[in-house]
N, C-alpha and C. Protein backbone atom coordinates (compact mmCIF):
# COMPACT_ATOMS: atom_id res chain seq x y z
N UNK A 1 0.74 -1.17 -0.02
CA UNK A 1 0.05 0.00 -0.06
C UNK A 1 0.90 1.16 -0.05
N UNK A 2 1.92 1.22 0.89
CA UNK A 2 2.74 2.33 0.93
C UNK A 2 3.52 2.75 -0.40
N UNK A 3 3.81 1.56 -1.16
CA UNK A 3 4.46 1.78 -2.48
C UNK A 3 3.45 2.44 -3.51
N UNK A 4 2.21 1.97 -3.40
CA UNK A 4 1.28 2.53 -4.27
C UNK A 4 1.07 4.09 -4.01
N UNK A 5 0.87 4.42 -2.74
CA UNK A 5 0.87 5.74 -2.32
C UNK A 5 1.99 6.67 -2.76
N UNK A 6 3.15 6.17 -2.63
CA UNK A 6 4.49 6.77 -2.89
C UNK A 6 4.41 7.05 -4.43
N UNK A 7 4.06 6.08 -5.27
CA UNK A 7 4.05 6.19 -6.78
C UNK A 7 3.00 7.23 -7.02
N UNK A 8 1.81 7.19 -6.49
CA UNK A 8 0.68 8.14 -6.70
C UNK A 8 1.29 9.57 -6.35
N UNK A 9 2.02 9.74 -5.15
CA UNK A 9 2.53 10.93 -4.82
C UNK A 9 3.38 11.59 -5.95
N UNK A 10 4.29 10.78 -6.46
CA UNK A 10 5.23 11.27 -7.49
C UNK A 10 4.46 11.60 -8.75
N UNK A 11 3.42 10.84 -9.03
CA UNK A 11 2.52 11.01 -10.21
C UNK A 11 1.87 12.42 -9.99
N UNK A 12 1.35 12.65 -8.82
CA UNK A 12 0.64 13.88 -8.58
C UNK A 12 1.50 15.00 -8.71
N UNK A 13 2.81 14.97 -8.16
CA UNK A 13 3.78 16.06 -8.39
C UNK A 13 3.98 16.36 -9.80
N UNK A 14 4.21 15.15 -10.61
CA UNK A 14 4.46 15.43 -12.10
C UNK A 14 3.29 16.00 -12.76
N UNK A 15 2.08 15.61 -12.41
CA UNK A 15 0.94 16.11 -13.16
C UNK A 15 0.63 17.54 -12.81
N UNK A 16 0.68 17.97 -11.43
CA UNK A 16 0.67 19.38 -11.23
C UNK A 16 1.64 20.31 -11.82
N UNK A 17 3.03 19.69 -11.84
CA UNK A 17 3.97 20.42 -12.37
C UNK A 17 3.78 20.75 -13.89
N UNK A 18 3.09 19.75 -14.51
CA UNK A 18 2.70 19.95 -15.98
C UNK A 18 1.74 21.21 -16.07
N UNK A 19 0.67 21.13 -15.14
CA UNK A 19 -0.37 22.27 -15.17
C UNK A 19 0.38 23.47 -14.94
N UNK A 20 1.23 23.65 -14.00
CA UNK A 20 1.97 24.79 -13.76
C UNK A 20 2.83 25.25 -14.99
N UNK A 21 3.41 24.34 -15.67
CA UNK A 21 4.24 24.66 -16.84
C UNK A 21 3.25 25.12 -17.99
N UNK A 22 2.17 24.53 -18.08
CA UNK A 22 1.13 24.88 -19.24
C UNK A 22 0.73 26.31 -18.92
N UNK A 23 0.34 26.62 -17.64
CA UNK A 23 -0.21 27.87 -17.26
C UNK A 23 0.91 29.09 -17.44
N UNK A 24 2.16 28.57 -17.18
CA UNK A 24 3.31 29.68 -17.45
C UNK A 24 3.38 29.82 -18.99
N UNK A 25 3.31 28.75 -19.72
CA UNK A 25 3.38 28.86 -21.18
C UNK A 25 2.35 29.85 -21.65
N UNK A 26 1.14 29.75 -21.19
CA UNK A 26 0.10 30.60 -21.55
C UNK A 26 0.31 32.10 -21.37
N UNK A 27 1.27 32.41 -20.41
CA UNK A 27 1.61 33.70 -20.08
C UNK A 27 2.94 34.11 -20.71
N UNK A 28 3.47 33.19 -21.63
CA UNK A 28 4.71 33.37 -22.17
C UNK A 28 6.00 33.65 -21.32
N UNK A 29 5.92 32.95 -20.35
CA UNK A 29 7.10 32.80 -19.43
C UNK A 29 8.46 32.36 -19.94
N UNK A 30 9.52 32.64 -19.44
CA UNK A 30 10.64 31.96 -19.81
C UNK A 30 10.92 30.73 -19.05
N UNK A 31 11.99 30.05 -19.29
CA UNK A 31 12.27 28.72 -18.61
C UNK A 31 12.35 28.79 -17.08
N UNK A 32 12.91 29.89 -16.52
CA UNK A 32 12.90 29.99 -15.14
C UNK A 32 11.56 30.24 -14.62
N UNK A 33 10.78 31.00 -15.22
CA UNK A 33 9.34 31.15 -14.77
C UNK A 33 8.53 29.94 -14.77
N UNK A 34 8.84 29.19 -15.92
CA UNK A 34 7.98 27.88 -16.04
C UNK A 34 8.39 26.93 -14.84
N UNK A 35 9.72 26.93 -14.51
CA UNK A 35 10.09 25.92 -13.39
C UNK A 35 9.55 26.42 -12.17
N UNK A 36 9.69 27.72 -11.84
CA UNK A 36 9.10 28.38 -10.62
C UNK A 36 7.69 28.00 -10.44
N UNK A 37 6.84 28.30 -11.43
CA UNK A 37 5.44 28.13 -11.43
C UNK A 37 5.05 26.67 -11.29
N UNK A 38 5.72 25.83 -12.02
CA UNK A 38 5.50 24.36 -11.93
C UNK A 38 5.83 23.80 -10.53
N UNK A 39 7.00 24.31 -9.87
CA UNK A 39 7.38 23.81 -8.74
C UNK A 39 6.39 24.16 -7.53
N UNK A 40 5.97 25.41 -7.52
CA UNK A 40 5.14 25.87 -6.49
C UNK A 40 3.75 25.23 -6.59
N UNK A 41 3.26 24.93 -7.79
CA UNK A 41 2.05 24.29 -8.13
C UNK A 41 2.06 22.88 -7.69
N UNK A 42 3.20 22.28 -7.91
CA UNK A 42 3.40 20.84 -7.54
C UNK A 42 3.53 20.58 -5.99
N UNK A 43 4.26 21.54 -5.24
CA UNK A 43 4.58 21.30 -3.93
C UNK A 43 3.87 22.24 -2.94
N UNK A 44 3.14 23.18 -3.45
CA UNK A 44 2.48 24.17 -2.57
C UNK A 44 1.48 23.58 -1.56
N UNK A 45 0.70 22.79 -2.07
CA UNK A 45 -0.38 22.18 -1.25
C UNK A 45 0.10 21.32 -0.16
N UNK A 46 0.95 20.43 -0.52
CA UNK A 46 1.62 19.59 0.36
C UNK A 46 2.48 20.25 1.40
N UNK A 47 3.18 21.25 1.06
CA UNK A 47 3.90 22.02 2.02
C UNK A 47 3.13 22.65 3.07
N UNK A 48 1.99 23.35 2.62
CA UNK A 48 1.07 24.01 3.69
C UNK A 48 0.46 22.84 4.53
N UNK A 49 0.13 21.82 3.95
CA UNK A 49 -0.46 20.67 4.80
C UNK A 49 0.57 20.22 5.86
N UNK A 50 1.80 19.93 5.39
CA UNK A 50 2.79 19.54 6.43
C UNK A 50 3.08 20.58 7.51
N UNK A 51 3.07 21.89 7.19
CA UNK A 51 3.26 22.93 8.05
C UNK A 51 2.14 22.91 9.05
N UNK A 52 0.98 22.83 8.67
CA UNK A 52 -0.09 22.82 9.66
C UNK A 52 -0.23 21.60 10.50
N UNK A 53 0.22 20.41 9.93
CA UNK A 53 0.21 19.16 10.75
C UNK A 53 1.47 19.01 11.55
N UNK A 54 2.42 19.87 11.40
CA UNK A 54 3.54 19.84 12.16
C UNK A 54 4.57 18.75 11.74
N UNK A 55 4.36 18.33 10.54
CA UNK A 55 5.32 17.20 9.99
C UNK A 55 6.55 17.97 9.59
N UNK A 56 7.57 17.72 10.30
CA UNK A 56 8.85 18.49 10.09
C UNK A 56 9.99 17.41 9.87
N UNK A 57 10.76 17.67 8.84
CA UNK A 57 10.78 18.60 7.76
C UNK A 57 9.56 18.21 6.81
N UNK A 58 9.28 19.38 6.03
CA UNK A 58 8.09 19.10 5.00
C UNK A 58 8.53 17.96 3.98
N UNK A 59 7.66 17.42 3.29
CA UNK A 59 8.02 16.26 2.56
C UNK A 59 9.09 16.33 1.51
N UNK A 60 9.21 17.52 0.80
CA UNK A 60 10.14 17.63 -0.21
C UNK A 60 11.55 17.99 0.28
N UNK A 61 11.67 18.37 1.62
CA UNK A 61 12.92 18.61 2.10
C UNK A 61 13.60 17.27 2.66
N UNK A 62 12.65 16.37 3.25
CA UNK A 62 13.16 15.17 3.62
C UNK A 62 13.36 14.12 2.40
N UNK A 63 12.63 14.32 1.29
CA UNK A 63 12.83 13.59 0.19
C UNK A 63 12.96 14.47 -1.03
N UNK A 64 14.10 14.96 -1.36
CA UNK A 64 14.33 15.70 -2.52
C UNK A 64 13.79 15.34 -3.88
N UNK A 65 13.55 14.04 -3.82
CA UNK A 65 13.22 13.47 -5.22
C UNK A 65 11.87 14.16 -5.70
N UNK A 66 10.99 14.78 -4.68
CA UNK A 66 9.86 15.31 -5.27
C UNK A 66 10.15 16.68 -5.88
N UNK A 67 11.16 17.36 -5.29
CA UNK A 67 11.56 18.61 -6.01
C UNK A 67 12.26 18.35 -7.29
N UNK A 68 13.01 17.30 -7.45
CA UNK A 68 13.66 16.92 -8.68
C UNK A 68 12.56 16.51 -9.70
N UNK A 69 11.54 15.80 -9.39
CA UNK A 69 10.49 15.54 -10.13
C UNK A 69 9.74 16.69 -10.68
N UNK A 70 9.42 17.59 -9.92
CA UNK A 70 8.71 18.71 -10.35
C UNK A 70 9.60 19.63 -11.29
N UNK A 71 10.95 19.75 -11.02
CA UNK A 71 11.81 20.60 -11.78
C UNK A 71 12.05 19.89 -13.22
N UNK A 72 12.27 18.67 -13.17
CA UNK A 72 12.49 17.83 -14.37
C UNK A 72 11.20 17.80 -15.26
N UNK A 73 10.02 17.58 -14.76
CA UNK A 73 8.85 17.62 -15.50
C UNK A 73 8.57 18.96 -16.11
N UNK A 74 8.93 20.14 -15.38
CA UNK A 74 8.81 21.45 -16.03
C UNK A 74 9.66 21.76 -17.19
N UNK A 75 10.87 21.15 -16.97
CA UNK A 75 11.82 21.40 -18.04
C UNK A 75 11.47 20.57 -19.33
N UNK A 76 11.02 19.31 -19.13
CA UNK A 76 10.69 18.37 -20.18
C UNK A 76 9.38 19.11 -20.78
N UNK A 77 8.42 19.62 -20.18
CA UNK A 77 7.27 20.10 -20.69
C UNK A 77 7.52 21.35 -21.44
N UNK A 78 8.49 22.17 -20.95
CA UNK A 78 8.88 23.45 -21.62
C UNK A 78 9.37 23.14 -22.97
N UNK A 79 10.28 22.12 -23.21
CA UNK A 79 10.77 21.78 -24.51
C UNK A 79 9.87 20.98 -25.36
N UNK A 80 9.00 20.06 -24.70
CA UNK A 80 8.09 19.25 -25.44
C UNK A 80 7.12 20.07 -26.25
N UNK A 81 6.56 21.08 -25.57
CA UNK A 81 5.51 21.87 -26.34
C UNK A 81 6.05 22.69 -27.57
N UNK A 82 7.37 22.83 -27.61
CA UNK A 82 7.94 23.37 -28.82
C UNK A 82 7.88 22.55 -29.97
N UNK A 83 7.68 21.26 -29.83
CA UNK A 83 7.85 20.35 -31.03
C UNK A 83 6.52 19.71 -31.23
N UNK A 84 5.65 19.69 -30.40
CA UNK A 84 4.23 19.17 -30.63
C UNK A 84 3.20 19.85 -29.94
N UNK A 85 2.16 20.16 -30.56
CA UNK A 85 0.96 20.86 -29.98
C UNK A 85 0.25 20.03 -28.95
N UNK A 86 -0.20 20.73 -27.90
CA UNK A 86 -0.94 20.08 -26.88
C UNK A 86 -2.48 20.51 -26.92
N UNK A 87 -3.36 19.50 -26.77
CA UNK A 87 -4.84 19.85 -26.65
C UNK A 87 -5.18 21.04 -25.68
N UNK A 88 -6.08 21.88 -26.07
CA UNK A 88 -6.29 23.08 -25.19
C UNK A 88 -6.90 22.72 -23.91
N UNK A 89 -7.52 21.57 -23.91
CA UNK A 89 -8.28 21.13 -22.55
C UNK A 89 -7.31 20.33 -21.68
N UNK A 90 -6.01 20.10 -22.24
CA UNK A 90 -5.03 19.34 -21.47
C UNK A 90 -4.81 19.92 -20.06
N UNK A 91 -4.81 21.17 -19.91
CA UNK A 91 -4.52 21.79 -18.50
C UNK A 91 -5.60 21.43 -17.58
N UNK A 92 -6.83 21.54 -18.01
CA UNK A 92 -7.94 21.27 -17.16
C UNK A 92 -8.04 19.66 -16.84
N UNK A 93 -7.86 18.88 -17.73
CA UNK A 93 -7.85 17.41 -17.46
C UNK A 93 -6.66 17.03 -16.60
N UNK A 94 -5.45 17.53 -16.95
CA UNK A 94 -4.30 17.19 -15.96
C UNK A 94 -4.50 17.75 -14.50
N UNK A 95 -5.06 18.96 -14.49
CA UNK A 95 -5.31 19.49 -13.12
C UNK A 95 -6.35 18.60 -12.37
N UNK A 96 -7.37 17.96 -13.16
CA UNK A 96 -8.27 17.13 -12.66
C UNK A 96 -7.54 15.92 -11.84
N UNK A 97 -6.74 15.31 -12.78
CA UNK A 97 -5.89 14.22 -12.17
C UNK A 97 -5.07 14.55 -10.97
N UNK A 98 -4.44 15.67 -10.98
CA UNK A 98 -3.57 16.06 -9.81
C UNK A 98 -4.49 16.24 -8.64
N UNK A 99 -5.65 16.83 -8.84
CA UNK A 99 -6.58 17.17 -7.76
C UNK A 99 -7.06 15.79 -7.07
N UNK A 100 -7.28 14.88 -7.88
CA UNK A 100 -7.79 13.61 -7.30
C UNK A 100 -6.69 12.86 -6.55
N UNK A 101 -5.43 12.82 -7.17
CA UNK A 101 -4.27 12.17 -6.42
C UNK A 101 -3.89 12.92 -5.25
N UNK A 102 -3.80 14.30 -5.21
CA UNK A 102 -3.41 14.87 -3.92
C UNK A 102 -4.51 14.99 -2.87
N UNK A 103 -5.71 14.87 -3.31
CA UNK A 103 -6.90 14.72 -2.27
C UNK A 103 -6.62 13.62 -1.48
N UNK A 104 -6.36 12.39 -2.19
CA UNK A 104 -6.13 11.17 -1.63
C UNK A 104 -4.93 11.21 -0.58
N UNK A 105 -3.81 11.77 -1.07
CA UNK A 105 -2.57 11.73 -0.36
C UNK A 105 -2.72 12.62 1.04
N UNK A 106 -3.26 13.75 0.68
CA UNK A 106 -3.45 14.59 2.03
C UNK A 106 -4.36 13.91 3.02
N UNK A 107 -5.48 13.52 2.61
CA UNK A 107 -6.38 12.91 3.49
C UNK A 107 -5.74 11.63 4.20
N UNK A 108 -5.06 10.82 3.40
CA UNK A 108 -4.29 9.67 3.99
C UNK A 108 -3.29 10.01 5.08
N UNK A 109 -2.46 10.99 4.65
CA UNK A 109 -1.40 11.50 5.50
C UNK A 109 -1.91 11.85 6.91
N UNK A 110 -3.08 12.72 7.00
CA UNK A 110 -3.60 13.24 8.13
C UNK A 110 -4.21 12.04 8.98
N UNK A 111 -4.89 11.15 8.30
CA UNK A 111 -5.44 9.95 9.16
C UNK A 111 -4.35 9.18 9.65
N UNK A 112 -3.26 8.98 8.97
CA UNK A 112 -2.04 8.20 9.55
C UNK A 112 -1.36 8.81 10.69
N UNK A 113 -1.65 10.12 10.79
CA UNK A 113 -1.24 10.82 12.08
C UNK A 113 -2.21 10.86 13.14
N UNK A 114 -3.27 10.14 12.95
CA UNK A 114 -4.19 9.98 14.01
C UNK A 114 -5.00 11.20 14.21
N UNK A 115 -5.19 11.89 13.16
CA UNK A 115 -5.90 13.22 13.10
C UNK A 115 -7.47 12.75 12.88
N UNK A 116 -8.40 13.57 13.39
CA UNK A 116 -9.77 13.23 13.19
C UNK A 116 -10.07 13.19 11.85
N UNK A 117 -11.18 12.50 11.40
CA UNK A 117 -11.61 12.45 9.99
C UNK A 117 -12.07 13.77 9.41
N UNK A 118 -12.61 14.59 10.27
CA UNK A 118 -13.04 15.94 9.77
C UNK A 118 -11.85 16.85 9.37
N UNK A 119 -10.77 16.72 10.27
CA UNK A 119 -9.54 17.48 9.93
C UNK A 119 -8.88 16.76 8.74
N UNK A 120 -8.88 15.53 8.67
CA UNK A 120 -8.26 14.89 7.53
C UNK A 120 -8.79 15.22 6.17
N UNK A 121 -10.19 15.47 6.27
CA UNK A 121 -10.89 16.04 5.08
C UNK A 121 -10.34 17.37 4.56
N UNK A 122 -10.29 18.19 5.59
CA UNK A 122 -9.68 19.63 5.38
C UNK A 122 -8.41 19.52 4.79
N UNK A 123 -7.45 18.66 5.32
CA UNK A 123 -6.15 18.53 4.78
C UNK A 123 -6.09 17.99 3.51
N UNK A 124 -7.06 17.02 3.16
CA UNK A 124 -7.07 16.49 1.78
C UNK A 124 -7.44 17.53 0.68
N UNK A 125 -8.47 18.36 1.04
CA UNK A 125 -8.87 19.50 0.18
C UNK A 125 -7.69 20.55 0.14
N UNK A 126 -7.03 20.77 1.18
CA UNK A 126 -6.02 21.84 1.11
C UNK A 126 -4.74 21.33 0.21
N UNK A 127 -4.41 19.89 0.32
CA UNK A 127 -3.41 19.53 -0.48
C UNK A 127 -3.79 19.49 -1.91
N UNK A 128 -5.05 19.35 -2.25
CA UNK A 128 -5.51 19.25 -3.61
C UNK A 128 -5.62 20.67 -4.41
N UNK A 129 -6.05 21.59 -3.52
CA UNK A 129 -6.33 22.87 -4.21
C UNK A 129 -5.41 24.00 -3.99
N UNK A 130 -4.51 24.01 -3.11
CA UNK A 130 -3.73 25.18 -2.81
C UNK A 130 -2.70 25.34 -3.78
N UNK A 131 -2.11 24.29 -4.33
CA UNK A 131 -1.17 24.44 -5.42
C UNK A 131 -1.69 25.10 -6.64
N UNK A 132 -2.95 24.72 -6.96
CA UNK A 132 -3.63 25.38 -8.19
C UNK A 132 -3.90 26.76 -7.81
N UNK A 133 -4.29 27.12 -6.69
CA UNK A 133 -4.53 28.47 -6.19
C UNK A 133 -3.33 29.40 -6.41
N UNK A 134 -2.14 28.96 -5.98
CA UNK A 134 -0.89 29.70 -6.06
C UNK A 134 -0.55 29.81 -7.51
N UNK A 135 -0.84 28.68 -8.39
CA UNK A 135 -0.51 28.77 -9.80
C UNK A 135 -1.30 29.83 -10.51
N UNK A 136 -2.62 29.88 -10.13
CA UNK A 136 -3.53 30.83 -10.82
C UNK A 136 -3.25 32.16 -10.49
N UNK A 137 -2.97 32.51 -9.13
CA UNK A 137 -2.57 33.84 -8.67
C UNK A 137 -1.28 34.33 -9.40
N UNK A 138 -0.40 33.51 -9.40
CA UNK A 138 0.98 33.97 -9.94
C UNK A 138 0.93 34.13 -11.37
N UNK A 139 -0.07 33.42 -12.06
CA UNK A 139 -0.20 33.59 -13.56
C UNK A 139 -1.23 34.60 -13.85
N UNK A 140 -1.77 35.31 -12.87
CA UNK A 140 -2.71 36.31 -13.22
C UNK A 140 -4.15 35.87 -13.49
N UNK A 141 -4.48 34.62 -13.10
CA UNK A 141 -5.87 34.04 -13.43
C UNK A 141 -6.69 33.96 -12.13
N UNK A 142 -8.07 34.01 -12.28
CA UNK A 142 -8.97 33.71 -11.11
C UNK A 142 -8.87 32.25 -10.76
N UNK A 143 -8.48 32.02 -9.48
CA UNK A 143 -8.22 30.71 -9.08
C UNK A 143 -9.48 29.79 -9.43
N UNK A 144 -9.33 28.60 -9.84
CA UNK A 144 -10.36 27.60 -10.16
C UNK A 144 -11.33 27.41 -9.07
N UNK A 145 -10.78 27.53 -7.88
CA UNK A 145 -11.64 27.30 -6.73
C UNK A 145 -12.65 28.45 -6.57
N UNK A 146 -12.44 29.66 -7.12
CA UNK A 146 -13.36 30.68 -6.94
C UNK A 146 -14.29 30.87 -8.21
N UNK A 147 -14.11 29.96 -9.17
CA UNK A 147 -14.97 30.00 -10.46
C UNK A 147 -16.22 29.41 -10.35
N UNK A 148 -17.17 29.63 -11.33
CA UNK A 148 -18.54 28.93 -11.14
C UNK A 148 -18.36 27.56 -11.70
N UNK A 149 -17.68 26.71 -11.05
CA UNK A 149 -17.55 25.27 -11.43
C UNK A 149 -17.26 24.48 -10.28
N UNK A 150 -17.49 23.27 -10.36
CA UNK A 150 -17.14 22.31 -9.30
C UNK A 150 -15.69 21.97 -9.25
N UNK A 151 -15.03 22.30 -8.20
CA UNK A 151 -13.61 22.15 -8.10
C UNK A 151 -13.26 21.61 -6.67
N UNK A 152 -13.30 22.64 -5.76
CA UNK A 152 -13.07 22.13 -4.37
C UNK A 152 -14.12 21.15 -3.88
N UNK A 153 -15.43 21.24 -4.38
CA UNK A 153 -16.39 20.32 -4.09
C UNK A 153 -16.05 18.85 -4.42
N UNK A 154 -15.45 18.78 -5.65
CA UNK A 154 -15.09 17.40 -6.04
C UNK A 154 -13.95 16.76 -4.99
N UNK A 155 -13.06 17.76 -4.55
CA UNK A 155 -11.94 17.37 -3.67
C UNK A 155 -12.73 16.93 -2.33
N UNK A 156 -13.71 17.71 -1.82
CA UNK A 156 -14.37 17.40 -0.68
C UNK A 156 -15.00 16.11 -0.62
N UNK A 157 -15.72 15.76 -1.77
CA UNK A 157 -16.39 14.48 -1.87
C UNK A 157 -15.40 13.29 -1.87
N UNK A 158 -14.21 13.57 -2.59
CA UNK A 158 -13.17 12.44 -2.66
C UNK A 158 -12.57 12.24 -1.28
N UNK A 159 -12.42 13.39 -0.52
CA UNK A 159 -11.71 13.20 0.87
C UNK A 159 -12.65 12.50 1.85
N UNK A 160 -13.96 12.91 1.69
CA UNK A 160 -15.05 12.12 2.52
C UNK A 160 -14.95 10.71 2.26
N UNK A 161 -14.94 10.34 0.93
CA UNK A 161 -15.08 9.01 0.48
C UNK A 161 -13.90 8.25 1.02
N UNK A 162 -12.69 8.88 1.00
CA UNK A 162 -11.46 8.08 1.41
C UNK A 162 -11.67 7.80 2.96
N UNK A 163 -12.08 8.79 3.75
CA UNK A 163 -12.23 8.67 5.09
C UNK A 163 -13.26 7.43 5.43
N UNK A 164 -14.38 7.51 4.74
CA UNK A 164 -15.44 6.66 5.00
C UNK A 164 -15.07 5.16 4.66
N UNK A 165 -14.40 4.95 3.48
CA UNK A 165 -14.10 3.65 3.10
C UNK A 165 -12.93 3.20 3.96
N UNK A 166 -12.00 4.09 4.25
CA UNK A 166 -10.75 3.71 5.04
C UNK A 166 -11.21 3.19 6.47
N UNK A 167 -12.08 4.02 7.04
CA UNK A 167 -12.47 3.67 8.37
C UNK A 167 -13.41 2.53 8.47
N UNK A 168 -14.36 2.51 7.55
CA UNK A 168 -15.50 1.36 7.53
C UNK A 168 -14.79 0.02 7.20
N UNK A 169 -13.95 -0.07 6.17
CA UNK A 169 -13.38 -1.25 5.65
C UNK A 169 -11.96 -1.61 6.08
N UNK A 170 -11.34 -0.50 6.69
CA UNK A 170 -9.99 -0.73 7.01
C UNK A 170 -9.04 -1.08 5.77
N UNK A 171 -9.20 -0.46 4.76
CA UNK A 171 -8.52 -0.71 3.52
C UNK A 171 -8.31 0.48 2.76
N UNK A 172 -7.01 1.04 2.99
CA UNK A 172 -6.65 2.29 2.34
C UNK A 172 -6.44 2.22 0.86
N UNK A 173 -6.05 1.08 0.38
CA UNK A 173 -5.89 0.79 -1.00
C UNK A 173 -7.20 1.03 -1.79
N UNK A 174 -8.29 0.34 -1.25
CA UNK A 174 -9.62 0.62 -1.83
C UNK A 174 -10.11 2.00 -1.69
N UNK A 175 -9.89 2.57 -0.39
CA UNK A 175 -10.26 3.92 -0.24
C UNK A 175 -9.57 4.76 -1.22
N UNK A 176 -8.35 4.63 -1.55
CA UNK A 176 -7.71 5.53 -2.58
C UNK A 176 -8.34 5.32 -3.90
N UNK A 177 -8.60 4.30 -4.30
CA UNK A 177 -9.28 3.99 -5.59
C UNK A 177 -10.59 4.60 -5.55
N UNK A 178 -11.38 4.52 -4.60
CA UNK A 178 -12.74 5.04 -4.58
C UNK A 178 -12.71 6.52 -4.55
N UNK A 179 -11.66 7.02 -3.81
CA UNK A 179 -11.68 8.53 -3.67
C UNK A 179 -11.15 9.24 -5.02
N UNK A 180 -10.30 8.56 -5.75
CA UNK A 180 -9.81 9.02 -7.02
C UNK A 180 -11.01 9.04 -7.98
N UNK A 181 -11.74 7.99 -7.99
CA UNK A 181 -12.86 7.70 -8.97
C UNK A 181 -13.86 8.84 -8.62
N UNK A 182 -14.18 9.10 -7.43
CA UNK A 182 -15.23 10.08 -7.03
C UNK A 182 -14.81 11.55 -7.47
N UNK A 183 -13.43 11.80 -7.06
CA UNK A 183 -12.90 13.25 -7.30
C UNK A 183 -12.87 13.49 -8.78
N UNK A 184 -12.25 12.57 -9.41
CA UNK A 184 -11.87 12.61 -10.83
C UNK A 184 -13.29 12.68 -11.66
N UNK A 185 -14.16 11.74 -11.33
CA UNK A 185 -15.48 11.75 -11.93
C UNK A 185 -16.17 12.99 -11.83
N UNK A 186 -16.28 13.60 -10.61
CA UNK A 186 -17.00 14.94 -10.48
C UNK A 186 -16.32 16.00 -11.27
N UNK A 187 -15.00 16.04 -11.15
CA UNK A 187 -14.39 17.17 -11.71
C UNK A 187 -14.40 17.11 -13.22
N UNK A 188 -14.24 15.94 -13.83
CA UNK A 188 -14.24 15.84 -15.40
C UNK A 188 -15.67 15.91 -15.79
N UNK A 189 -16.59 15.50 -15.09
CA UNK A 189 -18.06 15.83 -15.43
C UNK A 189 -18.40 17.31 -15.51
N UNK A 190 -17.88 18.04 -14.32
CA UNK A 190 -18.09 19.46 -14.38
C UNK A 190 -17.38 20.19 -15.51
N UNK A 191 -16.30 19.61 -15.99
CA UNK A 191 -15.68 20.21 -17.20
C UNK A 191 -16.45 19.99 -18.42
N UNK A 192 -16.87 18.80 -18.56
CA UNK A 192 -17.60 18.35 -19.88
C UNK A 192 -18.89 19.04 -20.05
N UNK A 193 -19.74 19.01 -18.89
CA UNK A 193 -21.03 19.49 -18.83
C UNK A 193 -21.23 20.93 -18.26
N UNK A 194 -20.06 21.49 -17.84
CA UNK A 194 -20.12 22.86 -17.32
C UNK A 194 -20.94 22.87 -16.13
N UNK A 195 -20.90 21.92 -15.26
CA UNK A 195 -21.63 21.89 -14.01
C UNK A 195 -21.11 22.79 -13.04
N UNK A 196 -22.01 23.40 -12.18
CA UNK A 196 -21.60 24.29 -11.08
C UNK A 196 -22.64 24.11 -9.96
N UNK A 197 -22.24 24.81 -8.79
CA UNK A 197 -23.18 24.64 -7.74
C UNK A 197 -24.13 25.72 -7.83
N UNK A 198 -25.24 25.84 -7.20
CA UNK A 198 -26.12 26.93 -7.25
C UNK A 198 -25.52 28.23 -6.74
N UNK A 199 -25.93 29.41 -7.44
CA UNK A 199 -25.23 30.65 -7.20
C UNK A 199 -26.13 31.40 -6.07
N UNK A 200 -25.43 32.24 -5.22
CA UNK A 200 -26.10 32.99 -4.42
C UNK A 200 -26.94 34.16 -5.04
N UNK A 201 -28.18 34.07 -4.71
CA UNK A 201 -29.07 35.14 -5.36
C UNK A 201 -30.15 35.62 -4.33
N UNK A 202 -30.05 36.78 -3.86
CA UNK A 202 -31.08 37.28 -2.88
C UNK A 202 -32.42 37.37 -3.44
N UNK A 203 -33.50 37.60 -2.59
CA UNK A 203 -34.89 37.65 -2.88
C UNK A 203 -35.07 38.68 -3.96
N UNK A 204 -34.45 39.86 -3.96
CA UNK A 204 -34.86 40.83 -4.90
C UNK A 204 -34.03 40.65 -6.16
N UNK A 205 -33.44 39.53 -6.42
CA UNK A 205 -32.60 39.11 -7.58
C UNK A 205 -31.22 39.74 -7.76
N UNK A 206 -30.82 40.32 -6.70
CA UNK A 206 -29.49 40.97 -6.69
C UNK A 206 -28.50 39.89 -6.14
N UNK A 207 -27.51 39.31 -7.02
CA UNK A 207 -26.70 38.33 -6.53
C UNK A 207 -25.25 38.77 -6.13
N UNK A 208 -25.26 40.06 -5.80
CA UNK A 208 -23.89 40.60 -5.49
C UNK A 208 -23.91 42.10 -5.44
């Protein structure tokens, strides 16, 4: 199980690094800018999670391979897009995969530290969305979490699914699979069918 989570962790770092690289590319950043944006996207959520949980040192300091994967992925992406075009929706799809994987990892790490399920859900969401928030702010975009689409809600449902299955069945492997399916399914469905939560609209019709 630990090997599976480790592989998923590295996969999540690589995927989020790709989203950061593509976001930097849309803003015509140079190689340094691409690497910086990719790195903070890939490591930002997990770093904040570890700081709040008191896990010292943070994961990429104790295991530099995470930093190496993020930087290497950014460089490869930077040069790859020069030779082959990438689908316009790749950023959203890659981000959805990263969101699902990081939600699982954040929730699992909090549960392993004997944190309550409620706090574990919050840590899962934080791990999943903070990197994307940093990426969007640095690239001058409205963060996905604040847009009219299901994003953090998908992470919330995935984190709850992980906690429920893990505690009820005592099987983190099954919990991880179920959580990824729920998070990824909701997020990709929201992208495809432009799903969103109900908007706040007051009685007089003024929504803001």
